């Protein structure tokens, strides 16, 4: 589990194909590398990855084909900035919200303000049941609160400090991002789908909470 507070920035140093997926080499600061021992969970741009190797400059993680398909990792350019967060330890403060590191879908930045204001992101329609006003959302690993949402997009308010300390500062419209929905919404959506069928879930996706 994670909190959605970005502790460190890293870089994508290599993406090498391997049977069934790929291996990433992620450059990271020494403080993060101390937590990236063999088998440790590290949240990278919102996805929980397992460290399989490390040295004094970087750690490595294996990705399945499914992860490459369902996240932005297959399209990131070499040298891209990455959000890094080590796993939550018992007794650590929970300053954001509980983040599982399981990416639910890929969205993209639609609009960003020149100064302070609302940022708007597109989302897949199947992600809509996991998104609700005042609910939590994770964008590339950042814990944020939804201001408003419809069937295909949502908006969030970002303070300058968050923008300055993350890869958001250089992000431009069209940039793809990993999304994880509200953890409560995930189970509400599943219950609706099982108990009342796809029609109810589709209506929920379009109209939100009632």
Protein backbone atom coordinates (compact mmCIF):
# COMPACT_ATOMS: atom_id res chain seq x y z
CA UNK A 1 0.00 0.00 0.00
CA UNK A 2 1.01 3.60 -0.66
CA UNK A 3 -0.22 7.10 0.21
CA UNK A 4 -0.08 8.89 -3.14
CA UNK A 5 2.45 11.43 -1.86
CA UNK A 6 5.41 11.62 -4.21
CA UNK A 7 8.57 11.19 -2.15
CA UNK A 8 11.12 11.14 -4.96
CA UNK A 9 11.61 11.71 -8.68
CA UNK A 10 13.44 9.19 -10.83
CA UNK A 11 14.19 8.64 -14.51
CA UNK A 12 13.47 5.88 -16.99
CA UNK A 13 17.00 4.80 -17.91
CA UNK A 14 16.22 1.65 -19.92
CA UNK A 15 13.33 -0.55 -21.11
CA UNK A 16 14.59 -3.91 -22.32
CA UNK A 17 12.29 -6.57 -23.82
CA UNK A 18 12.17 -9.92 -22.04
CA UNK A 19 9.99 -13.03 -22.49
CA UNK A 20 6.46 -12.05 -21.46
CA UNK A 21 7.14 -8.35 -21.04
CA UNK A 22 10.03 -6.00 -20.33
CA UNK A 23 12.50 -4.96 -17.66
CA UNK A 24 12.78 -1.31 -16.62
CA UNK A 25 15.88 0.31 -15.21
CA UNK A 26 14.87 3.29 -13.08
CA UNK A 27 17.38 5.85 -11.94
CA UNK A 28 16.63 6.97 -8.39
CA UNK A 29 18.14 8.96 -5.50
CA UNK A 30 20.07 7.13 -2.77
CA UNK A 31 17.28 7.54 -0.20
CA UNK A 32 14.82 5.67 -2.41
CA UNK A 33 17.37 3.02 -3.37
CA UNK A 34 17.79 2.16 0.31
CA UNK A 35 14.15 1.01 0.27
CA UNK A 36 14.47 -0.83 -3.07
CA UNK A 37 15.93 -4.04 -1.71
CA UNK A 38 15.23 -7.27 -3.60
CA UNK A 39 11.47 -7.97 -3.51
CA UNK A 40 10.48 -4.51 -2.23
CA UNK A 41 7.40 -2.78 -3.62
CA UNK A 42 7.95 0.65 -5.15
CA UNK A 43 5.15 2.76 -6.62
CA UNK A 44 6.31 4.09 -10.00
CA UNK A 45 3.96 6.57 -11.69
CA UNK A 46 1.12 4.98 -9.75
CA UNK A 47 1.95 1.33 -10.49
CA UNK A 48 3.22 -1.04 -7.80
CA UNK A 49 6.43 -2.60 -9.13
CA UNK A 50 8.74 -5.13 -7.49
CA UNK A 51 12.46 -4.41 -7.30
CA UNK A 52 14.43 -7.32 -8.79
CA UNK A 53 17.89 -5.72 -8.81
CA UNK A 54 19.63 -2.52 -7.76
CA UNK A 55 23.00 -0.83 -7.71
CA UNK A 56 24.21 2.55 -6.53
CA UNK A 57 22.36 4.44 -9.23
CA UNK A 58 19.16 2.60 -10.12
CA UNK A 59 16.82 -0.30 -9.46
CA UNK A 60 15.21 -2.68 -11.94
CA UNK A 61 11.66 -4.04 -12.18
CA UNK A 62 10.03 -6.59 -14.46
CA UNK A 63 6.75 -5.78 -16.24
CA UNK A 64 4.34 -8.27 -17.74
CA UNK A 65 2.75 -7.72 -21.15
CA UNK A 66 -0.50 -6.90 -19.34
CA UNK A 67 1.19 -4.12 -17.38
CA UNK A 68 2.72 -2.69 -20.54
CA UNK A 69 -0.69 -2.69 -22.22
CA UNK A 70 -2.66 -1.21 -19.32
CA UNK A 71 -0.20 1.53 -18.27
CA UNK A 72 1.91 4.25 -19.86
CA UNK A 73 5.20 2.37 -19.39
CA UNK A 74 5.26 1.05 -22.95
CA UNK A 75 5.17 4.57 -24.42
CA UNK A 76 7.35 6.60 -22.07
CA UNK A 77 10.48 8.07 -23.65
CA UNK A 78 13.91 7.26 -22.29
CA UNK A 79 14.88 9.80 -19.67
CA UNK A 80 11.26 10.51 -18.73
CA UNK A 81 10.73 11.71 -15.18
CA UNK A 82 9.01 9.20 -12.90
CA UNK A 83 7.14 9.57 -9.61
CA UNK A 84 8.53 7.23 -6.95
CA UNK A 85 7.10 6.25 -3.56
CA UNK A 86 8.27 3.40 -1.30
CA UNK A 87 5.61 1.22 0.30
CA UNK A 88 3.80 2.37 3.42
CA UNK A 89 5.19 1.03 6.71
CA UNK A 90 3.15 0.37 9.83
CA UNK A 91 3.26 3.58 11.84
CA UNK A 92 3.93 5.86 8.85
CA UNK A 93 1.57 8.86 8.54
CA UNK A 94 -1.21 8.46 5.99
CA UNK A 95 -1.10 11.97 4.56
CA UNK A 96 -2.77 11.21 1.21
CA UNK A 97 -5.17 8.28 0.77
CA UNK A 98 -4.76 4.52 0.56
CA UNK A 99 -3.32 3.73 -2.87
CA UNK A 100 -2.96 0.12 -4.00
CA UNK A 101 -0.70 0.75 -6.99
CA UNK A 102 -3.09 -1.16 -9.28
CA UNK A 103 -3.66 0.98 -12.38
CA UNK A 104 -7.31 1.00 -13.49
CA UNK A 105 -6.82 2.80 -16.78
CA UNK A 106 -4.86 5.33 -18.80
CA UNK A 107 -6.09 8.90 -19.17
CA UNK A 108 -4.58 12.01 -20.69
CA UNK A 109 -4.22 15.66 -19.79
CA UNK A 110 -6.78 17.82 -21.60
CA UNK A 111 -6.32 21.27 -20.08
CA UNK A 112 -4.02 22.95 -17.59
CA UNK A 113 -4.32 26.53 -16.34
CA UNK A 114 -1.66 29.15 -16.87
CA UNK A 115 -1.69 29.95 -13.16
CA UNK A 116 -3.72 28.38 -10.38
CA UNK A 117 -6.94 26.65 -11.37
CA UNK A 118 -8.45 23.36 -12.39
CA UNK A 119 -6.60 20.71 -14.39
CA UNK A 120 -8.83 18.53 -16.60
CA UNK A 121 -8.06 14.97 -17.63
CA UNK A 122 -9.76 12.58 -20.03
CA UNK A 123 -10.55 9.10 -18.73
CA UNK A 124 -11.83 5.86 -20.30
CA UNK A 125 -15.61 5.54 -19.96
CA UNK A 126 -15.19 2.23 -18.11
CA UNK A 127 -13.22 4.13 -15.44
CA UNK A 128 -16.13 6.51 -14.76
CA UNK A 129 -17.79 4.37 -12.03
CA UNK A 130 -14.58 4.70 -9.97
CA UNK A 131 -14.58 8.50 -10.17
CA UNK A 132 -16.86 10.75 -8.10
CA UNK A 133 -16.81 14.39 -6.99
CA UNK A 134 -15.00 14.76 -3.63
CA UNK A 135 -13.65 11.23 -4.05
CA UNK A 136 -9.96 10.36 -4.16
CA UNK A 137 -8.13 9.65 -7.41
CA UNK A 138 -4.54 8.79 -8.19
CA UNK A 139 -2.94 10.41 -11.25
CA UNK A 140 0.52 9.02 -12.06
CA UNK A 141 0.80 8.09 -8.40
CA UNK A 142 -0.31 11.48 -7.01
CA UNK A 143 -3.14 11.48 -4.48
CA UNK A 144 -5.72 14.05 -5.62
CA UNK A 145 -9.35 14.95 -4.92
CA UNK A 146 -11.88 15.05 -7.75
CA UNK A 147 -13.58 18.45 -8.07
CA UNK A 148 -16.02 17.48 -10.82
CA UNK A 149 -16.46 14.66 -13.30
CA UNK A 150 -18.65 13.48 -16.14
CA UNK A 151 -18.63 10.31 -18.19
CA UNK A 152 -15.36 11.01 -20.02
CA UNK A 153 -13.35 13.52 -17.97
CA UNK A 154 -12.64 14.83 -14.49
CA UNK A 155 -11.04 17.91 -12.99
CA UNK A 156 -8.73 18.37 -10.01
CA UNK A 157 -7.30 21.39 -8.23
CA UNK A 158 -3.51 21.43 -7.93
CA UNK A 159 -1.56 23.76 -5.69
CA UNK A 160 1.71 25.21 -7.06
CA UNK A 161 3.79 23.19 -4.59
CA UNK A 162 2.45 19.91 -5.98
CA UNK A 163 3.10 20.98 -9.56
CA UNK A 164 6.63 22.17 -8.78
CA UNK A 165 7.64 18.94 -7.02
CA UNK A 166 6.31 16.52 -9.66
CA UNK A 167 6.54 15.84 -13.40
CA UNK A 168 3.32 17.83 -13.79
CA UNK A 169 5.32 21.03 -14.19
CA UNK A 170 6.51 19.95 -17.64
CA UNK A 171 3.32 18.08 -18.60
CA UNK A 172 1.44 19.35 -21.63
CA UNK A 173 -2.06 18.54 -22.99
CA UNK A 174 -2.12 15.13 -24.60
CA UNK A 175 0.27 13.53 -22.09
CA UNK A 176 -0.89 10.08 -21.00
CA UNK A 177 -1.22 9.31 -17.29
CA UNK A 178 -1.91 6.24 -15.16
CA UNK A 179 -5.17 6.37 -13.21
CA UNK A 180 -6.31 4.55 -10.09
CA UNK A 181 -9.85 5.09 -8.86
CA UNK A 182 -11.28 5.61 -5.40
CA UNK A 183 -10.76 2.35 -3.45
CA UNK A 184 -14.34 2.45 -2.14
CA UNK A 185 -15.73 3.13 -5.60
CA UNK A 186 -14.04 0.01 -6.93
CA UNK A 187 -16.15 -2.25 -4.73
CA UNK A 188 -19.35 -0.26 -5.21
CA UNK A 189 -18.95 -0.61 -8.98
CA UNK A 190 -18.29 -4.34 -8.68
CA UNK A 191 -21.35 -4.86 -6.46
CA UNK A 192 -23.59 -2.97 -8.89
CA UNK A 193 -22.28 -4.94 -11.84
CA UNK A 194 -22.93 -8.27 -10.12
CA UNK A 195 -26.28 -7.50 -8.49
CA UNK A 196 -28.05 -5.25 -10.97
CA UNK A 197 -26.31 -5.77 -14.29
CA UNK A 198 -24.49 -3.70 -16.86
CA UNK A 199 -27.38 -1.26 -17.43
CA UNK A 200 -27.23 0.05 -13.87
CA UNK A 201 -23.45 0.31 -14.01
CA UNK A 202 -23.62 2.23 -17.30
CA UNK A 203 -26.15 4.65 -15.80
CA UNK A 204 -23.92 5.05 -12.75
CA UNK A 205 -20.97 5.83 -15.01
CA UNK A 206 -22.94 8.55 -16.80
CA UNK A 207 -24.80 10.17 -13.90
CA UNK A 208 -22.53 9.54 -10.91
CA UNK A 209 -23.76 9.20 -7.34
CA UNK A 210 -27.45 9.78 -6.69
